[in-house]
N, C-alpha and C. Protein backbone atom coordinates (compact mmCIF):
# COMPACT_ATOMS: atom_id res chain seq x y z
N MET A 1 -31.61 6.82 15.84
CA MET A 1 -30.34 7.33 15.29
C MET A 1 -29.17 6.97 16.21
N ILE A 2 -29.34 7.23 17.51
CA ILE A 2 -28.25 6.94 18.45
C ILE A 2 -27.96 5.45 18.50
N GLN A 3 -29.02 4.64 18.45
CA GLN A 3 -28.83 3.20 18.47
C GLN A 3 -28.11 2.73 17.21
N ALA A 4 -28.45 3.32 16.07
CA ALA A 4 -27.79 2.94 14.81
C ALA A 4 -26.30 3.29 14.86
N ILE A 5 -25.99 4.45 15.43
CA ILE A 5 -24.58 4.84 15.55
C ILE A 5 -23.84 3.90 16.50
N ALA A 6 -24.49 3.56 17.61
CA ALA A 6 -23.87 2.64 18.56
C ALA A 6 -23.64 1.27 17.93
N ASP A 7 -24.62 0.79 17.17
CA ASP A 7 -24.45 -0.50 16.49
C ASP A 7 -23.35 -0.42 15.44
N SER A 8 -23.25 0.71 14.77
CA SER A 8 -22.21 0.89 13.74
C SER A 8 -20.82 0.90 14.38
N LEU A 9 -20.69 1.56 15.53
CA LEU A 9 -19.41 1.60 16.22
C LEU A 9 -19.01 0.20 16.70
N ALA A 10 -20.00 -0.56 17.16
CA ALA A 10 -19.71 -1.93 17.59
C ALA A 10 -19.27 -2.78 16.41
N ALA A 11 -19.92 -2.62 15.27
CA ALA A 11 -19.54 -3.36 14.08
C ALA A 11 -18.16 -2.92 13.59
N ALA A 12 -17.88 -1.62 13.68
CA ALA A 12 -16.57 -1.12 13.28
C ALA A 12 -15.47 -1.71 14.15
N ALA A 13 -15.76 -1.85 15.45
CA ALA A 13 -14.77 -2.44 16.35
C ALA A 13 -14.48 -3.89 16.00
N LEU A 14 -15.48 -4.59 15.48
CA LEU A 14 -15.28 -5.97 15.07
C LEU A 14 -14.49 -6.07 13.77
N GLY A 15 -14.76 -5.15 12.85
CA GLY A 15 -14.11 -5.23 11.54
C GLY A 15 -12.77 -4.54 11.46
N LEU A 16 -12.50 -3.60 12.37
CA LEU A 16 -11.26 -2.81 12.30
C LEU A 16 -9.99 -3.66 12.41
N PRO A 17 -9.90 -4.63 13.33
CA PRO A 17 -8.67 -5.42 13.41
C PRO A 17 -8.31 -6.13 12.10
N LEU A 18 -9.31 -6.68 11.42
CA LEU A 18 -9.04 -7.35 10.16
C LEU A 18 -8.63 -6.35 9.08
N THR A 19 -9.28 -5.20 9.06
CA THR A 19 -8.89 -4.16 8.11
C THR A 19 -7.44 -3.76 8.31
N LEU A 20 -7.04 -3.54 9.56
CA LEU A 20 -5.66 -3.15 9.85
C LEU A 20 -4.69 -4.27 9.49
N ALA A 21 -5.07 -5.52 9.79
CA ALA A 21 -4.19 -6.64 9.50
C ALA A 21 -3.97 -6.79 8.01
N ILE A 22 -5.04 -6.75 7.22
CA ILE A 22 -4.90 -6.88 5.76
C ILE A 22 -4.14 -5.69 5.19
N TRP A 23 -4.43 -4.50 5.71
CA TRP A 23 -3.74 -3.31 5.21
C TRP A 23 -2.24 -3.37 5.51
N LEU A 24 -1.88 -3.67 6.75
CA LEU A 24 -0.46 -3.73 7.12
C LEU A 24 0.26 -4.83 6.35
N ALA A 25 -0.39 -6.00 6.21
CA ALA A 25 0.22 -7.09 5.46
C ALA A 25 0.37 -6.72 3.99
N GLY A 26 -0.67 -6.10 3.43
CA GLY A 26 -0.61 -5.71 2.03
C GLY A 26 0.44 -4.63 1.77
N VAL A 27 0.50 -3.64 2.67
CA VAL A 27 1.51 -2.58 2.51
C VAL A 27 2.92 -3.16 2.67
N GLY A 28 3.10 -4.02 3.68
CA GLY A 28 4.42 -4.61 3.89
C GLY A 28 4.88 -5.43 2.70
N THR A 29 4.01 -6.31 2.22
CA THR A 29 4.37 -7.12 1.06
C THR A 29 4.54 -6.26 -0.18
N GLY A 30 3.65 -5.30 -0.35
CA GLY A 30 3.74 -4.42 -1.51
C GLY A 30 5.01 -3.58 -1.51
N LEU A 31 5.40 -3.09 -0.33
CA LEU A 31 6.65 -2.32 -0.24
C LEU A 31 7.86 -3.17 -0.61
N ALA A 32 7.91 -4.38 -0.05
CA ALA A 32 9.05 -5.26 -0.34
C ALA A 32 9.12 -5.62 -1.82
N ALA A 33 7.98 -6.04 -2.37
CA ALA A 33 7.96 -6.40 -3.79
C ALA A 33 8.20 -5.18 -4.67
N GLY A 34 7.61 -4.04 -4.29
CA GLY A 34 7.79 -2.83 -5.07
C GLY A 34 9.23 -2.36 -5.07
N PHE A 35 9.92 -2.49 -3.93
CA PHE A 35 11.33 -2.09 -3.88
C PHE A 35 12.18 -2.97 -4.80
N VAL A 36 11.93 -4.27 -4.75
CA VAL A 36 12.69 -5.18 -5.61
C VAL A 36 12.43 -4.87 -7.09
N ILE A 37 11.16 -4.71 -7.43
CA ILE A 37 10.82 -4.42 -8.83
C ILE A 37 11.42 -3.10 -9.27
N GLY A 38 11.31 -2.07 -8.42
CA GLY A 38 11.87 -0.77 -8.76
C GLY A 38 13.37 -0.81 -8.92
N ALA A 39 14.06 -1.54 -8.02
CA ALA A 39 15.52 -1.65 -8.11
C ALA A 39 15.94 -2.39 -9.37
N VAL A 40 15.24 -3.48 -9.69
CA VAL A 40 15.57 -4.24 -10.89
C VAL A 40 15.36 -3.39 -12.14
N ARG A 41 14.26 -2.67 -12.18
CA ARG A 41 13.98 -1.83 -13.36
C ARG A 41 14.96 -0.68 -13.49
N PHE A 42 15.54 -0.24 -12.35
CA PHE A 42 16.49 0.86 -12.42
C PHE A 42 17.90 0.38 -12.77
N PHE A 43 18.34 -0.70 -12.13
CA PHE A 43 19.72 -1.13 -12.29
C PHE A 43 19.93 -2.10 -13.46
N ALA A 44 18.91 -2.87 -13.82
CA ALA A 44 19.07 -3.85 -14.90
C ALA A 44 18.88 -3.18 -16.25
N PRO A 45 19.46 -3.76 -17.32
CA PRO A 45 19.24 -3.22 -18.66
C PRO A 45 17.76 -3.23 -19.04
N ALA A 46 17.36 -2.23 -19.81
CA ALA A 46 15.95 -2.09 -20.17
C ALA A 46 15.43 -3.31 -20.92
N ALA A 47 16.29 -3.94 -21.72
CA ALA A 47 15.86 -5.09 -22.51
C ALA A 47 15.45 -6.27 -21.62
N LEU A 48 15.97 -6.30 -20.38
CA LEU A 48 15.67 -7.40 -19.47
C LEU A 48 14.49 -7.12 -18.55
N THR A 49 14.03 -5.89 -18.52
CA THR A 49 13.00 -5.51 -17.55
C THR A 49 11.62 -5.28 -18.17
N TRP A 50 11.50 -5.48 -19.48
CA TRP A 50 10.21 -5.20 -20.11
C TRP A 50 9.06 -6.07 -19.58
N PRO A 51 9.32 -7.35 -19.20
CA PRO A 51 8.18 -8.10 -18.62
C PRO A 51 7.67 -7.46 -17.32
N LEU A 52 8.60 -6.98 -16.48
CA LEU A 52 8.17 -6.31 -15.25
C LEU A 52 7.43 -5.02 -15.56
N ALA A 53 7.94 -4.26 -16.53
CA ALA A 53 7.28 -3.01 -16.89
C ALA A 53 5.87 -3.27 -17.42
N THR A 54 5.72 -4.32 -18.21
CA THR A 54 4.40 -4.66 -18.75
C THR A 54 3.44 -5.06 -17.63
N ALA A 55 3.91 -5.85 -16.68
CA ALA A 55 3.07 -6.28 -15.57
C ALA A 55 2.65 -5.10 -14.70
N VAL A 56 3.60 -4.20 -14.45
CA VAL A 56 3.29 -3.02 -13.64
C VAL A 56 2.22 -2.16 -14.31
N GLU A 57 2.38 -1.94 -15.61
CA GLU A 57 1.42 -1.12 -16.33
C GLU A 57 0.05 -1.79 -16.40
N ALA A 58 0.03 -3.11 -16.47
CA ALA A 58 -1.25 -3.83 -16.51
C ALA A 58 -2.00 -3.65 -15.19
N VAL A 59 -1.27 -3.73 -14.07
CA VAL A 59 -1.91 -3.56 -12.76
C VAL A 59 -2.36 -2.12 -12.57
N ARG A 60 -1.51 -1.18 -12.94
CA ARG A 60 -1.85 0.23 -12.77
C ARG A 60 -2.96 0.67 -13.72
N GLY A 61 -3.13 -0.05 -14.82
CA GLY A 61 -4.11 0.35 -15.82
C GLY A 61 -5.48 -0.26 -15.66
N THR A 62 -5.67 -1.07 -14.61
CA THR A 62 -6.98 -1.70 -14.39
C THR A 62 -7.47 -1.37 -12.98
N PRO A 63 -8.78 -1.23 -12.80
CA PRO A 63 -9.32 -0.89 -11.47
C PRO A 63 -9.06 -2.00 -10.45
N PHE A 64 -8.86 -1.59 -9.21
CA PHE A 64 -8.63 -2.56 -8.14
C PHE A 64 -9.83 -3.50 -7.97
N LEU A 65 -11.03 -2.97 -8.15
CA LEU A 65 -12.23 -3.80 -8.03
C LEU A 65 -12.21 -4.93 -9.06
N VAL A 66 -11.83 -4.61 -10.28
CA VAL A 66 -11.76 -5.63 -11.33
C VAL A 66 -10.71 -6.68 -10.99
N GLN A 67 -9.59 -6.25 -10.46
CA GLN A 67 -8.54 -7.20 -10.08
C GLN A 67 -9.02 -8.14 -8.98
N CYS A 68 -9.76 -7.61 -8.02
CA CYS A 68 -10.31 -8.47 -6.95
C CYS A 68 -11.27 -9.50 -7.52
N PHE A 69 -12.13 -9.07 -8.43
CA PHE A 69 -13.08 -10.00 -9.06
C PHE A 69 -12.34 -11.08 -9.84
N LEU A 70 -11.33 -10.67 -10.60
CA LEU A 70 -10.60 -11.64 -11.41
C LEU A 70 -9.89 -12.67 -10.53
N LEU A 71 -9.31 -12.22 -9.43
CA LEU A 71 -8.57 -13.12 -8.57
C LEU A 71 -9.49 -14.05 -7.80
N TYR A 72 -10.55 -13.49 -7.21
CA TYR A 72 -11.40 -14.29 -6.33
C TYR A 72 -12.39 -15.16 -7.11
N PHE A 73 -13.05 -14.56 -8.10
CA PHE A 73 -14.07 -15.30 -8.84
C PHE A 73 -13.50 -16.01 -10.08
N GLY A 74 -12.46 -15.42 -10.67
CA GLY A 74 -11.87 -16.05 -11.85
C GLY A 74 -10.74 -17.01 -11.53
N GLY A 75 -10.12 -16.85 -10.36
CA GLY A 75 -9.00 -17.71 -9.98
C GLY A 75 -9.31 -19.20 -10.01
N PRO A 76 -10.46 -19.65 -9.50
CA PRO A 76 -10.75 -21.09 -9.50
C PRO A 76 -10.75 -21.73 -10.88
N PHE A 77 -11.00 -20.95 -11.93
CA PHE A 77 -11.01 -21.50 -13.29
C PHE A 77 -9.60 -21.87 -13.76
N ILE A 78 -8.57 -21.29 -13.11
CA ILE A 78 -7.19 -21.64 -13.47
C ILE A 78 -6.47 -22.30 -12.30
N GLY A 79 -7.23 -22.79 -11.36
CA GLY A 79 -6.64 -23.54 -10.25
C GLY A 79 -6.21 -22.72 -9.06
N ILE A 80 -6.59 -21.44 -9.01
CA ILE A 80 -6.23 -20.57 -7.88
C ILE A 80 -7.50 -20.35 -7.06
N ASP A 81 -7.67 -21.15 -6.02
CA ASP A 81 -8.88 -21.08 -5.19
C ASP A 81 -8.50 -20.55 -3.81
N LEU A 82 -8.71 -19.26 -3.60
CA LEU A 82 -8.28 -18.60 -2.37
C LEU A 82 -9.48 -18.23 -1.51
N SER A 83 -9.27 -18.21 -0.20
CA SER A 83 -10.30 -17.72 0.70
C SER A 83 -10.44 -16.21 0.51
N PRO A 84 -11.56 -15.62 0.93
CA PRO A 84 -11.73 -14.17 0.75
C PRO A 84 -10.60 -13.36 1.38
N ILE A 85 -10.19 -13.72 2.59
CA ILE A 85 -9.14 -12.94 3.27
C ILE A 85 -7.81 -13.07 2.53
N LEU A 86 -7.46 -14.28 2.14
CA LEU A 86 -6.20 -14.47 1.42
C LEU A 86 -6.23 -13.79 0.06
N ALA A 87 -7.35 -13.89 -0.62
CA ALA A 87 -7.48 -13.21 -1.92
C ALA A 87 -7.38 -11.69 -1.74
N GLY A 88 -7.97 -11.17 -0.67
CA GLY A 88 -7.87 -9.73 -0.42
C GLY A 88 -6.45 -9.29 -0.16
N TRP A 89 -5.72 -10.08 0.62
CA TRP A 89 -4.32 -9.74 0.90
C TRP A 89 -3.48 -9.79 -0.37
N VAL A 90 -3.64 -10.83 -1.17
CA VAL A 90 -2.87 -10.96 -2.41
C VAL A 90 -3.19 -9.81 -3.36
N ALA A 91 -4.48 -9.50 -3.52
CA ALA A 91 -4.87 -8.43 -4.42
C ALA A 91 -4.31 -7.09 -3.97
N LEU A 92 -4.40 -6.81 -2.69
CA LEU A 92 -3.88 -5.54 -2.17
C LEU A 92 -2.37 -5.47 -2.31
N SER A 93 -1.68 -6.58 -2.10
CA SER A 93 -0.23 -6.61 -2.22
C SER A 93 0.22 -6.36 -3.65
N VAL A 94 -0.43 -7.02 -4.60
CA VAL A 94 -0.06 -6.86 -6.01
C VAL A 94 -0.36 -5.44 -6.47
N TYR A 95 -1.52 -4.95 -6.09
CA TYR A 95 -1.89 -3.58 -6.47
C TYR A 95 -0.91 -2.57 -5.89
N GLY A 96 -0.58 -2.74 -4.61
CA GLY A 96 0.37 -1.83 -3.98
C GLY A 96 1.76 -1.93 -4.57
N ALA A 97 2.21 -3.15 -4.86
CA ALA A 97 3.56 -3.35 -5.39
C ALA A 97 3.77 -2.60 -6.70
N ALA A 98 2.75 -2.60 -7.55
CA ALA A 98 2.88 -1.92 -8.84
C ALA A 98 3.13 -0.42 -8.65
N TYR A 99 2.39 0.19 -7.75
CA TYR A 99 2.55 1.63 -7.52
C TYR A 99 3.81 1.93 -6.70
N PHE A 100 4.09 1.13 -5.70
CA PHE A 100 5.31 1.34 -4.91
C PHE A 100 6.55 1.22 -5.79
N SER A 101 6.54 0.30 -6.74
CA SER A 101 7.72 0.11 -7.59
C SER A 101 8.04 1.36 -8.39
N GLU A 102 6.99 2.05 -8.85
CA GLU A 102 7.22 3.27 -9.61
C GLU A 102 7.78 4.38 -8.72
N VAL A 103 7.32 4.43 -7.48
CA VAL A 103 7.84 5.42 -6.53
C VAL A 103 9.32 5.15 -6.25
N PHE A 104 9.66 3.90 -6.00
CA PHE A 104 11.06 3.57 -5.73
C PHE A 104 11.94 3.82 -6.95
N ARG A 105 11.45 3.48 -8.12
CA ARG A 105 12.24 3.72 -9.33
C ARG A 105 12.49 5.20 -9.52
N ALA A 106 11.46 6.02 -9.29
CA ALA A 106 11.64 7.46 -9.38
C ALA A 106 12.60 7.96 -8.31
N GLY A 107 12.56 7.32 -7.13
CA GLY A 107 13.48 7.72 -6.06
C GLY A 107 14.93 7.42 -6.42
N PHE A 108 15.18 6.27 -7.02
CA PHE A 108 16.53 5.96 -7.48
C PHE A 108 17.00 6.98 -8.52
N MET A 109 16.11 7.34 -9.41
CA MET A 109 16.47 8.28 -10.47
C MET A 109 16.70 9.68 -9.94
N ALA A 110 16.09 10.00 -8.78
CA ALA A 110 16.19 11.36 -8.24
C ALA A 110 17.52 11.62 -7.54
N VAL A 111 18.25 10.57 -7.18
CA VAL A 111 19.53 10.77 -6.49
C VAL A 111 20.57 11.23 -7.52
N PRO A 112 21.20 12.38 -7.30
CA PRO A 112 22.20 12.88 -8.27
C PRO A 112 23.35 11.89 -8.45
N PRO A 113 23.74 11.59 -9.68
CA PRO A 113 24.86 10.67 -9.90
C PRO A 113 26.15 11.13 -9.23
N GLY A 114 26.28 12.44 -9.06
CA GLY A 114 27.49 12.96 -8.43
C GLY A 114 27.67 12.47 -7.01
N GLN A 115 26.58 12.17 -6.32
CA GLN A 115 26.68 11.67 -4.96
C GLN A 115 27.37 10.31 -4.92
N LEU A 116 27.01 9.44 -5.85
CA LEU A 116 27.65 8.12 -5.91
C LEU A 116 29.09 8.23 -6.37
N GLU A 117 29.36 9.14 -7.30
CA GLU A 117 30.74 9.34 -7.75
C GLU A 117 31.62 9.85 -6.63
N ALA A 118 31.09 10.76 -5.83
CA ALA A 118 31.85 11.27 -4.69
C ALA A 118 32.11 10.17 -3.68
N ALA A 119 31.13 9.31 -3.46
CA ALA A 119 31.31 8.21 -2.53
C ALA A 119 32.38 7.24 -3.02
N ARG A 120 32.39 6.99 -4.31
CA ARG A 120 33.42 6.09 -4.86
C ARG A 120 34.81 6.71 -4.72
N LEU A 121 34.91 8.04 -4.89
CA LEU A 121 36.20 8.71 -4.73
C LEU A 121 36.69 8.65 -3.30
N LEU A 122 35.75 8.55 -2.36
CA LEU A 122 36.12 8.45 -0.94
C LEU A 122 36.49 7.03 -0.54
N GLY A 123 36.43 6.11 -1.48
CA GLY A 123 36.85 4.75 -1.20
C GLY A 123 35.75 3.76 -0.95
N LEU A 124 34.49 4.19 -1.06
CA LEU A 124 33.38 3.26 -0.87
C LEU A 124 33.16 2.41 -2.12
N SER A 125 32.85 1.16 -1.91
CA SER A 125 32.50 0.31 -3.05
C SER A 125 31.12 0.69 -3.55
N ARG A 126 30.74 0.16 -4.72
CA ARG A 126 29.42 0.50 -5.25
C ARG A 126 28.30 0.03 -4.32
N PRO A 127 28.33 -1.20 -3.80
CA PRO A 127 27.28 -1.59 -2.85
C PRO A 127 27.24 -0.71 -1.61
N GLN A 128 28.42 -0.32 -1.10
CA GLN A 128 28.46 0.56 0.07
C GLN A 128 27.88 1.93 -0.26
N ALA A 129 28.19 2.43 -1.44
CA ALA A 129 27.67 3.74 -1.85
C ALA A 129 26.15 3.71 -1.98
N VAL A 130 25.65 2.62 -2.55
CA VAL A 130 24.20 2.49 -2.69
C VAL A 130 23.55 2.39 -1.32
N LEU A 131 24.13 1.58 -0.42
CA LEU A 131 23.53 1.35 0.89
C LEU A 131 23.62 2.56 1.79
N ARG A 132 24.75 3.24 1.79
CA ARG A 132 24.99 4.31 2.75
C ARG A 132 24.67 5.71 2.22
N ILE A 133 24.63 5.87 0.91
CA ILE A 133 24.39 7.18 0.33
C ILE A 133 23.05 7.22 -0.41
N MET A 134 22.90 6.30 -1.36
CA MET A 134 21.73 6.36 -2.23
C MET A 134 20.43 6.04 -1.49
N LEU A 135 20.42 4.95 -0.73
CA LEU A 135 19.18 4.53 -0.09
C LEU A 135 18.66 5.54 0.94
N PRO A 136 19.53 6.09 1.83
CA PRO A 136 18.99 7.11 2.76
C PRO A 136 18.44 8.34 2.06
N MET A 137 19.14 8.81 1.02
CA MET A 137 18.64 9.97 0.29
C MET A 137 17.32 9.65 -0.41
N MET A 138 17.25 8.46 -0.98
CA MET A 138 16.03 8.06 -1.66
C MET A 138 14.88 7.92 -0.67
N ALA A 139 15.16 7.38 0.52
CA ALA A 139 14.11 7.16 1.51
C ALA A 139 13.43 8.47 1.88
N LEU A 140 14.23 9.51 2.10
CA LEU A 140 13.65 10.80 2.47
C LEU A 140 12.85 11.39 1.31
N ALA A 141 13.33 11.17 0.08
CA ALA A 141 12.66 11.75 -1.08
C ALA A 141 11.32 11.07 -1.37
N VAL A 142 11.26 9.76 -1.17
CA VAL A 142 10.06 9.02 -1.57
C VAL A 142 9.06 8.84 -0.43
N LEU A 143 9.44 9.18 0.79
CA LEU A 143 8.56 8.91 1.93
C LEU A 143 7.17 9.54 1.78
N PRO A 144 7.05 10.81 1.38
CA PRO A 144 5.70 11.37 1.23
C PRO A 144 4.85 10.60 0.21
N SER A 145 5.46 10.19 -0.89
CA SER A 145 4.71 9.44 -1.90
C SER A 145 4.32 8.06 -1.39
N LEU A 146 5.21 7.42 -0.63
CA LEU A 146 4.89 6.11 -0.07
C LEU A 146 3.73 6.22 0.91
N VAL A 147 3.76 7.26 1.74
CA VAL A 147 2.67 7.45 2.70
C VAL A 147 1.36 7.72 1.97
N ASN A 148 1.42 8.51 0.91
CA ASN A 148 0.21 8.78 0.13
C ASN A 148 -0.39 7.50 -0.43
N LEU A 149 0.47 6.62 -0.92
CA LEU A 149 -0.01 5.34 -1.45
C LEU A 149 -0.55 4.45 -0.33
N ALA A 150 0.11 4.48 0.83
CA ALA A 150 -0.38 3.69 1.96
C ALA A 150 -1.77 4.16 2.38
N VAL A 151 -2.00 5.48 2.33
CA VAL A 151 -3.32 6.02 2.65
C VAL A 151 -4.35 5.55 1.63
N ILE A 152 -3.95 5.55 0.36
CA ILE A 152 -4.86 5.07 -0.68
C ILE A 152 -5.21 3.60 -0.43
N LEU A 153 -4.23 2.81 -0.03
CA LEU A 153 -4.49 1.39 0.22
C LEU A 153 -5.41 1.19 1.42
N ILE A 154 -5.33 2.08 2.41
CA ILE A 154 -6.28 1.99 3.53
C ILE A 154 -7.71 2.07 2.99
N LYS A 155 -7.93 3.04 2.13
CA LYS A 155 -9.28 3.23 1.60
C LYS A 155 -9.67 2.14 0.62
N GLU A 156 -8.68 1.58 -0.08
CA GLU A 156 -8.98 0.50 -1.02
C GLU A 156 -9.40 -0.79 -0.31
N THR A 157 -9.07 -0.91 0.98
CA THR A 157 -9.52 -2.11 1.70
C THR A 157 -11.04 -2.20 1.72
N ALA A 158 -11.71 -1.06 1.58
CA ALA A 158 -13.17 -1.09 1.56
C ALA A 158 -13.70 -1.90 0.38
N VAL A 159 -12.94 -1.94 -0.71
CA VAL A 159 -13.36 -2.70 -1.89
C VAL A 159 -13.42 -4.19 -1.59
N LEU A 160 -12.63 -4.64 -0.64
CA LEU A 160 -12.58 -6.07 -0.32
C LEU A 160 -13.91 -6.58 0.23
N SER A 161 -14.76 -5.67 0.69
CA SER A 161 -16.07 -6.12 1.15
C SER A 161 -16.87 -6.75 0.00
N ILE A 162 -16.54 -6.39 -1.23
CA ILE A 162 -17.25 -6.94 -2.39
C ILE A 162 -17.02 -8.43 -2.52
N ILE A 163 -15.84 -8.90 -2.09
CA ILE A 163 -15.55 -10.34 -2.16
C ILE A 163 -15.75 -10.99 -0.79
N THR A 164 -16.61 -10.39 0.00
CA THR A 164 -17.08 -10.91 1.30
C THR A 164 -15.99 -11.00 2.37
N VAL A 165 -14.97 -10.18 2.28
CA VAL A 165 -14.01 -10.10 3.38
C VAL A 165 -14.68 -9.36 4.53
N PRO A 166 -14.77 -9.95 5.72
CA PRO A 166 -15.51 -9.32 6.82
C PRO A 166 -14.73 -8.21 7.51
N GLU A 167 -14.32 -7.23 6.73
CA GLU A 167 -13.53 -6.13 7.29
C GLU A 167 -14.46 -4.99 7.71
N LEU A 168 -13.89 -3.82 7.90
CA LEU A 168 -14.61 -2.68 8.46
C LEU A 168 -15.86 -2.32 7.65
N THR A 169 -15.70 -2.11 6.36
CA THR A 169 -16.84 -1.71 5.53
C THR A 169 -17.92 -2.78 5.49
N PHE A 170 -17.52 -4.02 5.36
CA PHE A 170 -18.47 -5.14 5.31
C PHE A 170 -19.31 -5.18 6.58
N ARG A 171 -18.65 -5.04 7.72
CA ARG A 171 -19.38 -5.11 9.00
C ARG A 171 -20.35 -3.95 9.16
N VAL A 172 -19.87 -2.73 8.89
CA VAL A 172 -20.73 -1.55 9.10
C VAL A 172 -21.86 -1.51 8.09
N GLN A 173 -21.59 -1.89 6.85
CA GLN A 173 -22.67 -1.93 5.86
C GLN A 173 -23.73 -2.97 6.23
N GLY A 174 -23.29 -4.03 6.90
CA GLY A 174 -24.26 -5.01 7.36
C GLY A 174 -25.25 -4.41 8.34
N VAL A 175 -24.77 -3.52 9.20
CA VAL A 175 -25.66 -2.82 10.13
C VAL A 175 -26.63 -1.92 9.35
N GLY A 176 -26.10 -1.23 8.34
CA GLY A 176 -26.96 -0.37 7.55
C GLY A 176 -28.05 -1.14 6.82
N SER A 177 -27.70 -2.30 6.29
CA SER A 177 -28.68 -3.12 5.58
C SER A 177 -29.75 -3.67 6.53
N ALA A 178 -29.34 -3.96 7.76
CA ALA A 178 -30.28 -4.54 8.72
C ALA A 178 -31.21 -3.49 9.32
N THR A 179 -30.71 -2.26 9.48
CA THR A 179 -31.50 -1.22 10.17
C THR A 179 -32.03 -0.15 9.22
N PHE A 180 -31.54 -0.14 7.98
CA PHE A 180 -31.90 0.88 6.99
C PHE A 180 -31.43 2.28 7.42
N ALA A 181 -30.49 2.33 8.34
CA ALA A 181 -29.92 3.61 8.79
C ALA A 181 -28.62 3.85 8.01
N PHE A 182 -28.76 4.04 6.71
CA PHE A 182 -27.58 4.12 5.86
C PHE A 182 -26.78 5.40 6.09
N ALA A 183 -27.45 6.50 6.40
CA ALA A 183 -26.74 7.76 6.63
C ALA A 183 -25.86 7.66 7.87
N GLU A 184 -26.40 7.12 8.95
CA GLU A 184 -25.65 7.03 10.20
C GLU A 184 -24.46 6.06 10.07
N THR A 185 -24.70 4.92 9.45
CA THR A 185 -23.63 3.94 9.32
C THR A 185 -22.53 4.45 8.38
N THR A 186 -22.93 5.14 7.32
CA THR A 186 -21.93 5.69 6.39
C THR A 186 -21.11 6.77 7.07
N LEU A 187 -21.74 7.59 7.91
CA LEU A 187 -21.02 8.63 8.64
C LEU A 187 -19.98 8.01 9.58
N VAL A 188 -20.37 6.98 10.31
CA VAL A 188 -19.43 6.29 11.20
C VAL A 188 -18.27 5.71 10.40
N LEU A 189 -18.59 5.09 9.27
CA LEU A 189 -17.55 4.49 8.44
C LEU A 189 -16.56 5.55 7.96
N ALA A 190 -17.08 6.69 7.50
CA ALA A 190 -16.21 7.76 7.02
C ALA A 190 -15.31 8.28 8.13
N LEU A 191 -15.85 8.45 9.34
CA LEU A 191 -15.05 8.96 10.45
C LEU A 191 -13.95 7.99 10.86
N VAL A 192 -14.24 6.71 10.83
CA VAL A 192 -13.22 5.71 11.19
C VAL A 192 -12.09 5.73 10.17
N TYR A 193 -12.43 5.77 8.88
CA TYR A 193 -11.38 5.82 7.86
C TYR A 193 -10.58 7.12 7.97
N TRP A 194 -11.25 8.21 8.27
CA TRP A 194 -10.56 9.48 8.44
C TRP A 194 -9.56 9.39 9.59
N ALA A 195 -9.96 8.77 10.70
CA ALA A 195 -9.05 8.62 11.82
C ALA A 195 -7.84 7.77 11.44
N LEU A 196 -8.05 6.72 10.66
CA LEU A 196 -6.94 5.89 10.21
C LEU A 196 -5.97 6.68 9.33
N VAL A 197 -6.52 7.49 8.45
CA VAL A 197 -5.67 8.30 7.56
C VAL A 197 -4.86 9.31 8.37
N GLU A 198 -5.49 9.96 9.33
CA GLU A 198 -4.79 10.95 10.14
C GLU A 198 -3.68 10.29 10.97
N ALA A 199 -3.95 9.10 11.50
CA ALA A 199 -2.92 8.39 12.27
C ALA A 199 -1.74 8.03 11.39
N THR A 200 -2.02 7.62 10.17
CA THR A 200 -0.95 7.29 9.22
C THR A 200 -0.13 8.52 8.88
N ALA A 201 -0.80 9.64 8.66
CA ALA A 201 -0.09 10.88 8.33
C ALA A 201 0.80 11.32 9.49
N TRP A 202 0.30 11.19 10.73
CA TRP A 202 1.12 11.55 11.90
C TRP A 202 2.36 10.67 11.98
N ALA A 203 2.19 9.37 11.78
CA ALA A 203 3.33 8.45 11.83
C ALA A 203 4.34 8.79 10.75
N SER A 204 3.87 9.17 9.58
CA SER A 204 4.79 9.49 8.48
C SER A 204 5.60 10.74 8.78
N ARG A 205 4.96 11.75 9.39
CA ARG A 205 5.70 12.96 9.74
C ARG A 205 6.78 12.65 10.78
N HIS A 206 6.45 11.78 11.73
CA HIS A 206 7.43 11.38 12.73
C HIS A 206 8.60 10.64 12.07
N ALA A 207 8.30 9.73 11.15
CA ALA A 207 9.37 8.98 10.47
C ALA A 207 10.22 9.91 9.60
N GLU A 208 9.59 10.88 8.96
CA GLU A 208 10.33 11.81 8.11
C GLU A 208 11.31 12.64 8.92
N ARG A 209 10.89 13.08 10.11
CA ARG A 209 11.80 13.84 10.97
C ARG A 209 12.98 12.99 11.42
N ARG A 210 12.73 11.74 11.74
CA ARG A 210 13.81 10.84 12.18
C ARG A 210 14.80 10.57 11.06
N ILE A 211 14.29 10.36 9.85
CA ILE A 211 15.19 10.12 8.71
C ILE A 211 16.02 11.37 8.43
N ALA A 212 15.39 12.54 8.51
CA ALA A 212 16.11 13.79 8.27
C ALA A 212 17.22 13.99 9.30
N ARG A 213 16.95 13.68 10.58
CA ARG A 213 17.97 13.80 11.62
C ARG A 213 19.11 12.82 11.38
N ALA A 214 18.75 11.59 10.95
CA ALA A 214 19.79 10.60 10.69
C ALA A 214 20.69 11.03 9.55
N LEU A 215 20.11 11.61 8.51
CA LEU A 215 20.92 12.06 7.39
C LEU A 215 21.80 13.25 7.80
N ALA A 216 21.25 14.13 8.63
CA ALA A 216 22.05 15.29 9.08
C ALA A 216 23.23 14.83 9.94
N ALA A 217 23.01 13.76 10.71
CA ALA A 217 24.10 13.26 11.56
C ALA A 217 25.18 12.58 10.75
C-alpha cells in the first residue's frame, strides 16, 4: 500500500506540470475568447449575434468527453490533425469559452444602466464609462462564477487522459493499471485535485478583496 502511494505521488509529480500548463492555457484562452463573445452578444444587435449564440449553445449542450473525441479522432477526417496535447488545449479552450461568455454577458447585464448614464453626465465618453465604470463593477460581480468555472475546468482536464494526454490522471492511472492498487492511486489523485481546487479558491478570494479595495478607492 505504501509503495503504491509513493509510486502514485511520483507519477502525480510527473503529470502535474502538464495538467497545470493545459489548464492555465485553456482558462486564459477561454477567458479571452469568452469575454469577446460575451461583449459582442451584449453590445451587438441580436440579429447579428445568432451564429455566436448557436455555437455557444452547441458547446454547452454536448459533453466535454464527446467534444474531445470529435476533435481528436474526428478531426483528421476534415483535415484537422492535432497532437493529443494541442487537441486537449483547444478542446478545453473552446469548452471554457462557451461558459465564460455566458458569465461575462450576464455580468454586463447586471450593471445598472444608471451607472453609465451618471458617468456620461460627468463628462465621460461611452468607451471611458465602459472601461472605468462598467468593467470594474462587472469584474467583481462575475469573479465567483469565473472561479467556479475555472475549478470545473481543473477537473475536466482529467478527461484529456482519454485522448492519451500524459497529464495527472493519465500518469496516476498508469500506476494503478500496473500495480492493481486502484484504491490507493485513486485516493492520491483525488487529494491532488482537491489541493488544486483549494489553491484556486484561495487565489480567487485574494483577487476579490483586491478588486473590492480598488473599487472602494
